[in-house]
Amino acid sequence: MRAAVLREYNADLSIEDVPYPVCPDNGVILRVIACGVCRSDWHGWVGEHPRVKPGQIGGHEYCGEVVEAGPQATWSVGDRLVAPFILACGTCPSCQSGNQNTCPNQRLPGFIEPGAFAEYVAVPFDHNLARLPEALSPTVAAGLGCRVTTSWHALTGRAAVQAGEWVAIHGTGGIGLSAAILARALGAKVIVVDVVQDKLDHAMGLGMQGCVNAKDGDVAARIKDLTGGGAHVSIEALGIPETVNASLECLRPLGRHVQVGMPVGHTARMEINMSTVYLGNLALYGTRGMPSWRYPSLLEMITDGAVDMSPLIAREIALSGTSAELRAFNGPTPPGVAVITDFQS
């Protein structure tokens, strides 16, 4: 089968013919229909993700059709499914308490095991998968497995955003734009922050209440002015010190900061304004992924028409175009995200 393989950091992925995957006893093999290209993939491509080594097949935002099922599999051949990027064991204390995204036995295709930058992907622990609704485009569904699910859990499972609250989103890449769209659907008033005006204009066209170009100066002060005292909730979607501190400093007293962006490599440790946390009585939440049992609430919201995630998708690409998309993350990116839908070219 064709796959895009990491052979050298910061270099084009190698398009190769690699062995067809072995079907897990407790899982399935999917024919990949669509796979998103995510900033988390970029962290591995540049060598900053500690688990991604040369030889890895990336790709963790995918949906596909079951072509083979193991003897302990939950799903059957022909089922069309969408995957979270964290595959939890289902039996440990974390899983049994409903917190599958913290499972210590989790499996991670695209980071440790071969991922979905390929025609086929093996999926262990297939009880984590969810049926792809007929009304949901596979291209849009591919963006759900990381960006949208993480944003949904950040807003609802961690910050408990309420209608009418002000939510600031720092960074309007894939995960930030997802958070903005979902926060609006929850009835929040949203301020988006970025350094790319085109991305801010795109978000404003989707109904956000305000935007701040970080190039123009004090982000926190401008958000406090726009919101009449500060955001109730602030979502940090990049994982860098500048946006983390802006996120903390833009909150009103008793505000909630959610760390969604991945601090990894040279940003794994950073200096933050802890005085702001102390003086403002702020709450800080970390979040990574989403428990798989929460998929129905998200999918129902989309299929019922309560939220339209299609503006998240900017372009469909071929497998051979993956390297160019990864390289684009080296600088400010254009609005929207890319999804691989052609695995033959």
Protein backbone atom coordinates (compact mmCIF):
# COMPACT_ATOMS: atom_id res chain seq x y z
CA MET A 1 0.00 0.00 0.00
CA ARG A 2 1.04 3.62 -0.51
CA ALA A 3 2.11 5.64 2.52
CA ALA A 4 3.92 8.88 3.33
CA VAL A 5 6.84 7.95 5.59
CA LEU A 6 9.00 10.21 7.75
CA ARG A 7 12.61 9.38 6.88
CA GLU A 8 14.30 12.60 7.95
CA TYR A 9 13.12 15.49 10.11
CA ASN A 10 12.25 18.69 8.22
CA ALA A 11 12.43 16.90 4.88
CA ASP A 12 9.79 15.78 2.42
CA LEU A 13 7.96 12.64 3.45
CA SER A 14 8.88 9.63 1.36
CA ILE A 15 5.98 8.21 -0.68
CA GLU A 16 6.59 4.47 -0.49
CA ASP A 17 5.00 1.09 -1.02
CA VAL A 18 4.87 -0.38 2.50
CA PRO A 19 3.46 -3.65 3.86
CA TYR A 20 -0.27 -3.93 4.42
CA PRO A 21 -1.00 -3.69 8.18
CA VAL A 22 -1.66 -6.67 10.41
CA CYS A 23 -5.19 -6.66 11.81
CA PRO A 24 -5.27 -6.43 15.64
CA ASP A 25 -7.24 -9.11 17.46
CA ASN A 26 -9.18 -6.37 19.28
CA GLY A 27 -9.50 -4.04 16.33
CA VAL A 28 -9.92 -3.46 12.63
CA ILE A 29 -8.17 -2.34 9.49
CA LEU A 30 -9.67 0.71 7.85
CA ARG A 31 -9.39 1.76 4.23
CA VAL A 32 -8.64 5.40 4.83
CA ILE A 33 -11.19 7.69 3.16
CA ALA A 34 -9.83 10.97 4.49
CA CYS A 35 -7.08 12.12 6.86
CA GLY A 36 -6.40 15.62 8.16
CA VAL A 37 -2.96 17.22 8.31
CA CYS A 38 -2.57 18.67 11.80
CA ARG A 39 -0.07 20.88 13.64
CA SER A 40 0.58 17.89 15.92
CA ASP A 41 1.86 16.04 12.83
CA TRP A 42 4.17 19.02 12.23
CA HIS A 43 5.61 18.71 15.75
CA GLY A 44 6.66 15.17 14.84
CA TRP A 45 7.90 16.17 11.38
CA VAL A 46 10.29 18.79 12.81
CA GLY A 47 11.56 16.38 15.48
CA GLU A 48 10.05 18.08 18.55
CA HIS A 49 7.52 15.39 19.43
CA PRO A 50 9.38 12.99 21.73
CA ARG A 51 7.56 9.90 20.44
CA VAL A 52 7.86 10.44 16.70
CA LYS A 53 10.97 8.85 15.17
CA PRO A 54 12.16 8.40 11.58
CA GLY A 55 10.26 5.57 9.92
CA GLN A 56 6.94 6.77 11.34
CA ILE A 57 3.82 6.98 9.21
CA GLY A 58 1.95 10.00 10.57
CA GLY A 59 -1.72 10.89 10.39
CA HIS A 60 -4.08 10.75 13.37
CA GLU A 61 -7.23 12.53 12.12
CA TYR A 62 -8.91 9.91 9.98
CA CYS A 63 -12.08 8.16 8.99
CA GLY A 64 -12.49 5.07 6.90
CA GLU A 65 -14.27 1.84 6.01
CA VAL A 66 -13.61 -1.45 7.78
CA VAL A 67 -12.01 -3.96 5.40
CA GLU A 68 -10.90 -6.50 8.01
CA ALA A 69 -12.00 -7.15 11.60
CA GLY A 70 -10.22 -9.10 14.34
CA PRO A 71 -11.91 -11.87 16.37
CA GLN A 72 -12.51 -9.50 19.32
CA ALA A 73 -13.51 -6.51 17.19
CA THR A 74 -16.55 -4.39 17.98
CA TRP A 75 -17.15 -3.34 14.36
CA SER A 76 -17.68 -5.32 11.15
CA VAL A 77 -16.47 -5.24 7.56
CA GLY A 78 -18.21 -2.46 5.66
CA ASP A 79 -18.78 -0.16 8.64
CA ARG A 80 -17.71 3.45 8.01
CA LEU A 81 -16.13 4.91 11.11
CA VAL A 82 -14.41 7.98 12.52
CA ALA A 83 -11.57 7.72 15.03
CA PRO A 84 -10.37 9.74 18.01
CA PHE A 85 -6.60 10.12 18.05
CA ILE A 86 -6.35 8.53 21.52
CA LEU A 87 -7.36 4.87 21.54
CA ALA A 88 -8.04 3.88 25.16
CA CYS A 89 -7.92 0.36 26.60
CA GLY A 90 -11.39 0.56 28.16
CA THR A 91 -10.53 -1.46 31.27
CA CYS A 92 -8.16 0.61 33.41
CA PRO A 93 -9.38 2.89 36.26
CA SER A 94 -9.14 5.99 34.04
CA CYS A 95 -11.30 4.40 31.36
CA GLN A 96 -13.78 2.97 33.85
CA SER A 97 -14.22 6.44 35.35
CA GLY A 98 -15.02 7.89 31.92
CA ASN A 99 -11.66 9.59 31.37
CA GLN A 100 -10.43 7.55 28.42
CA ASN A 101 -8.28 10.42 27.16
CA THR A 102 -6.00 9.90 30.20
CA CYS A 103 -5.71 6.11 29.74
CA PRO A 104 -2.17 4.95 30.66
CA ASN A 105 -2.44 2.08 28.13
CA GLN A 106 -3.53 4.27 25.22
CA ARG A 107 -2.51 3.50 21.64
CA LEU A 108 -1.58 6.31 19.28
CA PRO A 109 -1.58 5.60 15.53
CA GLY A 110 0.33 8.37 13.80
CA PHE A 111 2.69 8.97 16.73
CA ILE A 112 4.00 5.59 17.85
CA GLU A 113 2.24 3.11 15.56
CA PRO A 114 1.68 3.55 11.81
CA GLY A 115 -0.92 6.22 11.15
CA ALA A 116 -3.30 7.23 8.39
CA PHE A 117 -1.02 9.00 5.93
CA ALA A 118 -1.58 5.73 4.08
CA GLU A 119 -4.19 3.78 2.15
CA TYR A 120 -4.92 1.54 5.14
CA VAL A 121 -4.47 1.85 8.90
CA ALA A 122 -4.72 -0.72 11.70
CA VAL A 123 -6.87 0.42 14.63
CA PRO A 124 -6.55 -1.48 17.94
CA PHE A 125 -9.07 -0.95 20.75
CA ASP A 126 -11.74 -0.35 18.11
CA HIS A 127 -14.40 0.26 20.76
CA ASN A 128 -13.15 3.87 20.63
CA LEU A 129 -14.41 4.32 17.08
CA ALA A 130 -17.76 5.90 16.23
CA ARG A 131 -20.03 5.31 13.27
CA LEU A 132 -19.71 7.94 10.55
CA PRO A 133 -23.19 9.47 10.09
CA GLU A 134 -24.43 9.31 6.50
CA ALA A 135 -25.14 13.04 6.57
CA LEU A 136 -21.56 13.89 7.54
CA SER A 137 -18.96 14.31 4.80
CA PRO A 138 -15.90 12.08 5.35
CA THR A 139 -13.72 15.09 4.56
CA VAL A 140 -15.28 17.08 7.41
CA ALA A 141 -15.31 14.00 9.66
CA ALA A 142 -11.55 13.58 9.25
CA GLY A 143 -11.09 16.91 11.00
CA LEU A 144 -13.08 15.75 14.02
CA GLY A 145 -10.61 13.22 15.41
CA CYS A 146 -8.21 15.74 16.94
CA ARG A 147 -9.02 19.39 16.41
CA VAL A 148 -12.79 19.34 16.85
CA THR A 149 -13.00 16.67 19.55
CA THR A 150 -10.29 18.35 21.60
CA SER A 151 -12.02 21.72 21.25
CA TRP A 152 -15.40 20.25 22.18
CA HIS A 153 -14.01 18.66 25.33
CA ALA A 154 -12.08 21.83 26.22
CA LEU A 155 -15.22 23.94 26.00
CA THR A 156 -17.75 21.56 27.53
CA GLY A 157 -15.83 18.97 29.54
CA ARG A 158 -13.23 21.29 31.06
CA ALA A 159 -14.31 24.96 30.99
CA ALA A 160 -18.07 24.26 31.06
CA VAL A 161 -18.78 27.26 28.80
CA GLN A 162 -22.21 28.79 29.31
CA ALA A 163 -24.36 30.72 26.84
CA GLY A 164 -23.66 34.45 27.07
CA GLU A 165 -20.11 34.11 28.37
CA TRP A 166 -17.19 35.77 26.62
CA VAL A 167 -14.69 33.27 25.19
CA ALA A 168 -11.30 34.36 23.84
CA ILE A 169 -9.56 32.07 21.34
CA HIS A 170 -5.80 32.60 20.96
CA GLY A 171 -4.77 31.22 17.57
CA THR A 172 -7.23 30.49 14.75
CA GLY A 173 -5.57 27.52 13.11
CA GLY A 174 -7.50 24.27 12.91
CA ILE A 175 -8.06 23.77 16.62
CA GLY A 176 -8.66 27.45 17.38
CA LEU A 177 -11.14 27.86 14.54
CA SER A 178 -12.90 24.68 15.69
CA ALA A 179 -13.16 26.07 19.23
CA ALA A 180 -14.51 29.37 17.93
CA ILE A 181 -17.21 27.72 15.80
CA LEU A 182 -18.26 25.40 18.63
CA ALA A 183 -18.26 28.16 21.25
CA ARG A 184 -20.59 30.23 19.07
CA ALA A 185 -22.87 27.21 18.70
CA LEU A 186 -23.00 26.98 22.50
CA GLY A 187 -24.21 30.58 22.65
CA ALA A 188 -20.95 32.16 23.80
CA LYS A 189 -19.65 35.52 22.59
CA VAL A 190 -16.31 34.91 20.92
CA ILE A 191 -13.18 37.04 20.43
CA VAL A 192 -10.55 35.54 18.11
CA VAL A 193 -6.85 36.41 18.20
CA ASP A 194 -4.22 35.82 15.51
CA VAL A 195 -1.42 37.53 13.59
CA VAL A 196 -2.89 36.69 10.16
CA GLN A 197 -5.64 39.12 9.22
CA ASP A 198 -7.10 36.76 6.61
CA LYS A 199 -7.71 34.18 9.34
CA LEU A 200 -9.37 36.78 11.55
CA ASP A 201 -11.56 37.93 8.64
CA HIS A 202 -12.52 34.29 7.94
CA ALA A 203 -13.53 33.77 11.58
CA MET A 204 -15.47 37.04 11.70
CA GLY A 205 -17.39 35.90 8.64
CA LEU A 206 -18.58 32.94 10.72
CA GLY A 207 -20.27 35.15 13.31
CA MET A 208 -17.65 35.94 15.94
CA GLN A 209 -18.22 39.04 18.06
CA GLY A 210 -14.73 40.51 17.73
CA CYS A 211 -11.14 39.98 16.69
CA VAL A 212 -7.71 41.15 17.78
CA ASN A 213 -4.63 41.17 15.57
CA ALA A 214 -1.79 40.39 17.97
CA LYS A 215 0.62 42.36 15.79
CA ASP A 216 -1.09 45.56 16.97
CA GLY A 217 -0.05 45.40 20.61
CA ASP A 218 -1.41 44.52 24.05
CA VAL A 219 -3.81 41.64 23.34
CA ALA A 220 -5.06 41.24 26.91
CA ALA A 221 -5.91 44.92 27.35
CA ARG A 222 -7.83 45.01 24.09
CA ILE A 223 -9.82 41.89 24.97
CA LYS A 224 -10.69 43.38 28.38
CA ASP A 225 -11.89 46.50 26.62
CA LEU A 226 -13.97 44.56 24.08
CA THR A 227 -15.56 42.35 26.74
CA GLY A 228 -16.10 44.94 29.45
CA GLY A 229 -13.67 43.47 31.95
CA GLY A 230 -12.19 40.33 30.44
CA ALA A 231 -13.12 36.94 29.04
CA HIS A 232 -14.84 34.37 31.21
CA VAL A 233 -13.00 31.58 29.35
CA SER A 234 -9.81 31.74 27.32
CA ILE A 235 -8.64 28.99 25.00
CA GLU A 236 -4.92 28.84 24.16
CA ALA A 237 -4.55 27.02 20.84
CA LEU A 238 -0.85 27.29 19.96
CA GLY A 239 1.27 26.23 22.94
CA ILE A 240 3.76 29.13 22.94
CA PRO A 241 4.58 31.58 25.77
CA GLU A 242 3.21 34.69 24.05
CA THR A 243 -0.28 33.27 23.59
CA VAL A 244 -0.33 31.43 26.93
CA ASN A 245 0.35 34.66 28.81
CA ALA A 246 -2.08 36.66 26.69
CA SER A 247 -4.70 34.00 27.45
CA LEU A 248 -4.14 34.26 31.20
CA GLU A 249 -3.93 38.03 31.27
CA CYS A 250 -7.14 38.61 29.26
CA LEU A 251 -9.35 36.85 31.82
CA ARG A 252 -11.67 38.56 34.28
CA PRO A 253 -11.54 37.50 37.96
CA LEU A 254 -12.50 33.85 38.41
CA GLY A 255 -11.87 33.23 34.70
CA ARG A 256 -10.94 29.83 33.25
CA HIS A 257 -7.90 29.24 31.03
CA VAL A 258 -7.79 26.01 29.00
CA GLN A 259 -4.46 24.86 27.59
CA VAL A 260 -5.34 23.25 24.26
CA GLY A 261 -2.20 24.05 22.24
CA MET A 262 0.56 21.47 22.64
CA PRO A 263 3.62 22.75 24.56
CA VAL A 264 6.32 20.39 23.32
CA GLY A 265 10.02 20.48 22.52
CA HIS A 266 11.43 23.95 23.21
CA THR A 267 8.06 25.16 24.58
CA ALA A 268 7.50 22.23 26.96
CA ARG A 269 8.67 24.49 29.79
CA MET A 270 7.88 28.19 29.67
CA GLU A 271 7.62 31.26 31.88
CA ILE A 272 4.06 32.34 32.65
CA ASN A 273 2.53 35.21 34.63
CA MET A 274 1.61 33.31 37.78
CA SER A 275 0.82 36.58 39.56
CA THR A 276 -2.14 37.01 37.21
CA VAL A 277 -3.36 33.54 38.19
CA TYR A 278 -3.00 34.34 41.89
CA LEU A 279 -4.53 37.82 41.86
CA GLY A 280 -7.40 36.88 39.56
CA ASN A 281 -8.32 33.65 41.34
CA LEU A 282 -8.05 31.99 37.94
CA ALA A 283 -8.61 28.33 37.12
CA LEU A 284 -6.16 26.60 34.75
CA TYR A 285 -7.19 23.47 32.87
CA GLY A 286 -5.17 21.19 30.67
CA THR A 287 -6.89 19.11 28.02
CA ARG A 288 -5.82 16.56 25.43
CA GLY A 289 -8.26 14.69 23.23
CA MET A 290 -11.77 13.69 24.27
CA PRO A 291 -13.22 10.59 25.95
CA SER A 292 -14.72 8.47 23.19
CA TRP A 293 -18.10 8.20 24.96
CA ARG A 294 -18.61 11.92 24.23
CA TYR A 295 -18.65 11.42 20.46
CA PRO A 296 -22.48 11.14 20.20
CA SER A 297 -23.06 14.60 21.74
CA LEU A 298 -20.70 16.16 19.19
CA LEU A 299 -21.90 14.18 16.16
CA GLU A 300 -25.57 14.81 16.99
CA MET A 301 -24.92 18.53 17.24
CA ILE A 302 -23.36 18.49 13.77
CA THR A 303 -25.87 16.20 12.04
CA ASP A 304 -28.83 18.04 13.62
CA GLY A 305 -27.59 21.24 12.00
CA ALA A 306 -26.83 23.00 15.28
CA VAL A 307 -23.29 23.65 14.09
CA ASP A 308 -21.62 23.62 10.66
CA MET A 309 -18.00 22.48 10.75
CA SER A 310 -17.49 22.63 6.97
CA PRO A 311 -15.84 26.11 7.11
CA LEU A 312 -12.97 24.39 8.91
CA ILE A 313 -11.93 22.59 5.69
CA ALA A 314 -9.98 24.80 3.29
CA ARG A 315 -8.64 22.30 0.76
CA GLU A 316 -8.53 18.63 -0.18
CA ILE A 317 -5.10 17.33 -1.18
CA ALA A 318 -3.33 14.25 -2.47
CA LEU A 319 -1.06 12.13 -0.30
CA SER A 320 1.92 13.55 -2.20
CA GLY A 321 0.92 17.04 -1.06
CA THR A 322 1.29 16.25 2.65
CA SER A 323 4.87 17.52 2.89
CA ALA A 324 3.93 20.94 1.57
CA GLU A 325 1.17 21.23 4.17
CA LEU A 326 3.56 20.28 6.97
CA ARG A 327 6.12 22.79 5.75
CA ALA A 328 3.47 25.52 5.77
CA PHE A 329 3.24 25.19 9.57
CA ASN A 330 6.76 26.66 9.77
CA GLY A 331 5.13 30.09 9.46
CA PRO A 332 1.72 31.70 9.76
CA THR A 333 -0.79 29.56 7.90
CA PRO A 334 -3.79 30.57 5.74
CA PRO A 335 -7.36 30.05 6.97
CA GLY A 336 -8.72 26.52 7.29
CA VAL A 337 -7.12 23.09 7.22
CA ALA A 338 -6.08 20.52 4.64
CA VAL A 339 -7.48 16.99 4.37
CA ILE A 340 -5.97 14.17 2.31
CA THR A 341 -8.67 12.56 0.17
CA ASP A 342 -6.56 11.20 -2.72
CA PHE A 343 -4.22 8.40 -1.67
CA GLN A 344 -3.19 7.41 -5.22
CA SER A 345 -1.26 10.53 -6.24
